[in-house]
Amino acid sequence: MNSDAILHLTLKQLEIFLKCYQARNYTYVAERYHYTPSTISKTIHAMEEILGYPLFSRTYHELVPTAAADVLAREWDGLFALIMRGLEQAEAF
């Protein structure tokens, strides 16, 4: 992994990754959050390219998280919640 490249991950990519991790299905995430399945797939692929390892193995019906995805989801879920909470609090001013 290129440590500079990881700085190019966006909040939108983190959000899509977390939603895919929870739902285990690109199509569901696309329909539920108003994206195309192609957008979801390309987002995850771009993240995998940046990180340098796979996040999911794909079957016909399901995404199966890798061990790396398990770790990232656990850590990033808290980070994403913290960022969103900070933004909500800042809006009060």
N, C-alpha and C. Protein backbone atom coordinates (compact mmCIF):
# COMPACT_ATOMS: atom_id res chain seq x y z
N MET A 1 0.85 -1.18 0.00
CA MET A 1 0.00 0.00 0.00
C MET A 1 0.89 1.24 0.00
N ASN A 2 0.54 2.16 -0.82
CA ASN A 2 1.21 3.45 -0.88
C ASN A 2 0.55 4.35 0.16
N SER A 3 1.31 4.78 1.17
CA SER A 3 0.72 5.57 2.25
C SER A 3 0.19 6.91 1.75
N ASP A 4 0.76 7.46 0.69
CA ASP A 4 0.22 8.69 0.11
C ASP A 4 -1.11 8.43 -0.59
N ALA A 5 -1.23 7.29 -1.22
CA ALA A 5 -2.45 6.96 -1.97
C ALA A 5 -3.65 6.85 -1.05
N ILE A 6 -3.45 6.35 0.16
CA ILE A 6 -4.58 6.16 1.06
C ILE A 6 -5.23 7.49 1.42
N LEU A 7 -4.48 8.57 1.33
CA LEU A 7 -5.05 9.88 1.62
C LEU A 7 -6.06 10.31 0.56
N HIS A 8 -6.09 9.58 -0.55
CA HIS A 8 -7.03 9.90 -1.62
C HIS A 8 -8.37 9.19 -1.47
N LEU A 9 -8.52 8.37 -0.44
CA LEU A 9 -9.82 7.78 -0.17
C LEU A 9 -10.78 8.90 0.24
N THR A 10 -11.99 8.82 -0.26
CA THR A 10 -12.98 9.85 0.06
C THR A 10 -13.96 9.34 1.10
N LEU A 11 -14.65 10.27 1.73
CA LEU A 11 -15.70 9.88 2.67
C LEU A 11 -16.78 9.08 1.96
N LYS A 12 -17.07 9.44 0.72
CA LYS A 12 -18.08 8.71 -0.05
C LYS A 12 -17.64 7.26 -0.25
N GLN A 13 -16.35 7.04 -0.55
CA GLN A 13 -15.86 5.67 -0.69
C GLN A 13 -15.98 4.91 0.62
N LEU A 14 -15.62 5.56 1.73
CA LEU A 14 -15.75 4.90 3.03
C LEU A 14 -17.20 4.54 3.32
N GLU A 15 -18.10 5.47 3.01
CA GLU A 15 -19.51 5.23 3.24
C GLU A 15 -20.01 4.04 2.41
N ILE A 16 -19.66 4.02 1.14
CA ILE A 16 -20.09 2.92 0.26
C ILE A 16 -19.49 1.60 0.74
N PHE A 17 -18.22 1.60 1.10
CA PHE A 17 -17.60 0.38 1.63
C PHE A 17 -18.37 -0.13 2.85
N LEU A 18 -18.66 0.75 3.80
CA LEU A 18 -19.36 0.33 5.02
C LEU A 18 -20.76 -0.19 4.72
N LYS A 19 -21.45 0.45 3.79
CA LYS A 19 -22.79 -0.03 3.41
C LYS A 19 -22.71 -1.40 2.74
N CYS A 20 -21.72 -1.60 1.88
CA CYS A 20 -21.53 -2.90 1.23
C CYS A 20 -21.15 -3.96 2.26
N TYR A 21 -20.32 -3.59 3.19
CA TYR A 21 -19.91 -4.53 4.24
C TYR A 21 -21.14 -4.99 5.04
N GLN A 22 -22.01 -4.06 5.37
CA GLN A 22 -23.19 -4.40 6.15
C GLN A 22 -24.21 -5.19 5.34
N ALA A 23 -24.43 -4.78 4.10
CA ALA A 23 -25.48 -5.40 3.28
C ALA A 23 -25.03 -6.67 2.57
N ARG A 24 -23.74 -6.77 2.27
CA ARG A 24 -23.17 -7.92 1.56
C ARG A 24 -23.73 -8.08 0.15
N ASN A 25 -24.19 -6.93 -0.45
CA ASN A 25 -24.80 -7.02 -1.77
C ASN A 25 -24.74 -5.66 -2.47
N TYR A 26 -24.05 -5.60 -3.62
CA TYR A 26 -23.93 -4.35 -4.37
C TYR A 26 -25.29 -3.83 -4.83
N THR A 27 -26.11 -4.73 -5.35
CA THR A 27 -27.39 -4.31 -5.92
C THR A 27 -28.27 -3.68 -4.85
N TYR A 28 -28.33 -4.29 -3.69
CA TYR A 28 -29.12 -3.73 -2.59
C TYR A 28 -28.64 -2.33 -2.24
N VAL A 29 -27.33 -2.17 -2.08
CA VAL A 29 -26.76 -0.86 -1.72
C VAL A 29 -27.08 0.16 -2.82
N ALA A 30 -26.93 -0.24 -4.06
CA ALA A 30 -27.21 0.67 -5.18
C ALA A 30 -28.67 1.12 -5.15
N GLU A 31 -29.58 0.19 -5.00
CA GLU A 31 -31.00 0.54 -5.00
C GLU A 31 -31.39 1.35 -3.77
N ARG A 32 -30.92 0.94 -2.63
CA ARG A 32 -31.29 1.57 -1.36
C ARG A 32 -30.78 3.01 -1.27
N TYR A 33 -29.59 3.26 -1.81
CA TYR A 33 -28.96 4.57 -1.65
C TYR A 33 -28.84 5.34 -2.96
N HIS A 34 -29.58 4.90 -3.98
CA HIS A 34 -29.72 5.62 -5.24
C HIS A 34 -28.41 5.78 -6.02
N TYR A 35 -27.71 4.68 -6.14
CA TYR A 35 -26.53 4.60 -6.99
C TYR A 35 -26.81 3.56 -8.06
N THR A 36 -25.94 3.47 -9.04
CA THR A 36 -26.03 2.34 -9.97
C THR A 36 -25.13 1.23 -9.43
N PRO A 37 -25.45 -0.03 -9.75
CA PRO A 37 -24.56 -1.11 -9.33
C PRO A 37 -23.14 -0.91 -9.85
N SER A 38 -23.01 -0.34 -11.03
CA SER A 38 -21.69 -0.08 -11.61
C SER A 38 -20.90 0.90 -10.74
N THR A 39 -21.56 1.93 -10.24
CA THR A 39 -20.89 2.89 -9.36
C THR A 39 -20.37 2.21 -8.11
N ILE A 40 -21.19 1.35 -7.53
CA ILE A 40 -20.79 0.64 -6.31
C ILE A 40 -19.58 -0.25 -6.61
N SER A 41 -19.67 -1.02 -7.68
CA SER A 41 -18.59 -1.92 -8.05
C SER A 41 -17.30 -1.16 -8.33
N LYS A 42 -17.40 -0.08 -9.08
CA LYS A 42 -16.21 0.72 -9.40
C LYS A 42 -15.60 1.36 -8.16
N THR A 43 -16.44 1.78 -7.24
CA THR A 43 -15.95 2.39 -6.00
C THR A 43 -15.15 1.39 -5.19
N ILE A 44 -15.69 0.19 -5.02
CA ILE A 44 -14.98 -0.84 -4.25
C ILE A 44 -13.69 -1.23 -4.97
N HIS A 45 -13.76 -1.37 -6.29
CA HIS A 45 -12.56 -1.72 -7.05
C HIS A 45 -11.48 -0.64 -6.90
N ALA A 46 -11.88 0.62 -6.96
CA ALA A 46 -10.92 1.72 -6.80
C ALA A 46 -10.27 1.68 -5.42
N MET A 47 -11.07 1.38 -4.41
CA MET A 47 -10.52 1.28 -3.05
C MET A 47 -9.51 0.14 -2.96
N GLU A 48 -9.85 -0.98 -3.59
CA GLU A 48 -8.94 -2.13 -3.58
C GLU A 48 -7.63 -1.79 -4.28
N GLU A 49 -7.71 -1.02 -5.34
CA GLU A 49 -6.50 -0.59 -6.05
C GLU A 49 -5.65 0.32 -5.17
N ILE A 50 -6.29 1.25 -4.48
CA ILE A 50 -5.56 2.17 -3.60
C ILE A 50 -4.92 1.41 -2.44
N LEU A 51 -5.69 0.51 -1.84
CA LEU A 51 -5.20 -0.21 -0.66
C LEU A 51 -4.20 -1.31 -1.03
N GLY A 52 -4.40 -1.89 -2.20
CA GLY A 52 -3.48 -2.94 -2.64
C GLY A 52 -3.88 -4.35 -2.25
N TYR A 53 -5.11 -4.53 -1.82
CA TYR A 53 -5.61 -5.87 -1.47
C TYR A 53 -7.13 -5.90 -1.61
N PRO A 54 -7.68 -7.10 -1.79
CA PRO A 54 -9.13 -7.22 -1.96
C PRO A 54 -9.88 -6.96 -0.66
N LEU A 55 -11.07 -6.42 -0.81
CA LEU A 55 -11.94 -6.19 0.34
C LEU A 55 -13.03 -7.25 0.42
N PHE A 56 -13.44 -7.77 -0.73
CA PHE A 56 -14.50 -8.77 -0.78
C PHE A 56 -14.15 -9.83 -1.80
N SER A 57 -14.61 -11.04 -1.55
CA SER A 57 -14.69 -12.01 -2.63
C SER A 57 -16.15 -11.99 -3.05
N ARG A 58 -16.39 -12.19 -4.31
CA ARG A 58 -17.74 -12.03 -4.83
C ARG A 58 -18.30 -13.37 -5.28
N THR A 59 -19.49 -13.66 -4.83
CA THR A 59 -20.24 -14.79 -5.35
C THR A 59 -21.42 -14.21 -6.12
N TYR A 60 -22.20 -15.06 -6.72
CA TYR A 60 -23.33 -14.57 -7.51
C TYR A 60 -24.31 -13.78 -6.65
N HIS A 61 -24.53 -14.22 -5.42
CA HIS A 61 -25.56 -13.61 -4.58
C HIS A 61 -25.02 -12.76 -3.43
N GLU A 62 -23.72 -12.80 -3.21
CA GLU A 62 -23.25 -12.19 -1.96
C GLU A 62 -21.81 -11.71 -2.07
N LEU A 63 -21.53 -10.67 -1.31
CA LEU A 63 -20.15 -10.24 -1.10
C LEU A 63 -19.66 -10.90 0.18
N VAL A 64 -18.50 -11.48 0.13
CA VAL A 64 -17.92 -12.10 1.31
C VAL A 64 -16.70 -11.27 1.71
N PRO A 65 -16.77 -10.59 2.87
CA PRO A 65 -15.65 -9.74 3.28
C PRO A 65 -14.39 -10.55 3.54
N THR A 66 -13.26 -9.96 3.18
CA THR A 66 -11.97 -10.56 3.52
C THR A 66 -11.67 -10.22 4.98
N ALA A 67 -10.64 -10.85 5.52
CA ALA A 67 -10.22 -10.53 6.89
C ALA A 67 -9.83 -9.05 6.99
N ALA A 68 -9.20 -8.53 5.94
CA ALA A 68 -8.84 -7.11 5.93
C ALA A 68 -10.08 -6.23 5.99
N ALA A 69 -11.12 -6.59 5.26
CA ALA A 69 -12.37 -5.82 5.28
C ALA A 69 -13.00 -5.84 6.66
N ASP A 70 -12.91 -6.99 7.33
CA ASP A 70 -13.44 -7.07 8.70
C ASP A 70 -12.77 -6.05 9.61
N VAL A 71 -11.46 -5.97 9.52
CA VAL A 71 -10.70 -5.02 10.35
C VAL A 71 -11.06 -3.58 9.97
N LEU A 72 -11.04 -3.29 8.68
CA LEU A 72 -11.34 -1.93 8.24
C LEU A 72 -12.75 -1.50 8.60
N ALA A 73 -13.72 -2.38 8.44
CA ALA A 73 -15.10 -2.04 8.77
C ALA A 73 -15.22 -1.73 10.26
N ARG A 74 -14.60 -2.52 11.07
CA ARG A 74 -14.66 -2.29 12.53
C ARG A 74 -14.05 -0.93 12.88
N GLU A 75 -12.90 -0.62 12.32
CA GLU A 75 -12.21 0.63 12.64
C GLU A 75 -12.87 1.84 11.96
N TRP A 76 -13.22 1.68 10.69
CA TRP A 76 -13.75 2.82 9.94
C TRP A 76 -15.18 3.15 10.32
N ASP A 77 -15.95 2.20 10.81
CA ASP A 77 -17.31 2.50 11.21
C ASP A 77 -17.30 3.55 12.32
N GLY A 78 -16.44 3.36 13.30
CA GLY A 78 -16.32 4.33 14.38
C GLY A 78 -15.80 5.67 13.88
N LEU A 79 -14.83 5.63 12.97
CA LEU A 79 -14.26 6.85 12.41
C LEU A 79 -15.32 7.62 11.63
N PHE A 80 -16.08 6.91 10.80
CA PHE A 80 -17.11 7.57 9.99
C PHE A 80 -18.17 8.19 10.89
N ALA A 81 -18.58 7.47 11.93
CA ALA A 81 -19.57 8.01 12.87
C ALA A 81 -19.04 9.26 13.56
N LEU A 82 -17.77 9.25 13.93
CA LEU A 82 -17.14 10.40 14.57
C LEU A 82 -17.12 11.61 13.63
N ILE A 83 -16.77 11.39 12.39
CA ILE A 83 -16.75 12.47 11.41
C ILE A 83 -18.14 13.06 11.22
N MET A 84 -19.14 12.20 11.06
CA MET A 84 -20.51 12.67 10.85
C MET A 84 -21.02 13.43 12.07
N ARG A 85 -20.72 12.95 13.25
CA ARG A 85 -21.13 13.62 14.48
C ARG A 85 -20.48 15.01 14.56
N GLY A 86 -19.21 15.11 14.22
CA GLY A 86 -18.53 16.40 14.21
C GLY A 86 -19.16 17.37 13.23
N LEU A 87 -19.51 16.89 12.05
CA LEU A 87 -20.15 17.75 11.06
C LEU A 87 -21.51 18.24 11.55
N GLU A 88 -22.28 17.35 12.17
CA GLU A 88 -23.59 17.74 12.70
C GLU A 88 -23.44 18.79 13.79
N GLN A 89 -22.47 18.64 14.66
CA GLN A 89 -22.25 19.61 15.73
C GLN A 89 -21.79 20.95 15.17
N ALA A 90 -20.95 20.92 14.15
CA ALA A 90 -20.46 22.16 13.55
C ALA A 90 -21.58 22.93 12.87
N GLU A 91 -22.57 22.22 12.34
CA GLU A 91 -23.70 22.88 11.68
C GLU A 91 -24.51 23.72 12.65
N ALA A 92 -24.41 23.44 13.93
CA ALA A 92 -25.17 24.18 14.94
C ALA A 92 -24.66 25.62 15.07
N PHE A 93 -23.47 25.89 14.56
CA PHE A 93 -22.91 27.24 14.67
C PHE A 93 -23.20 27.96 13.42
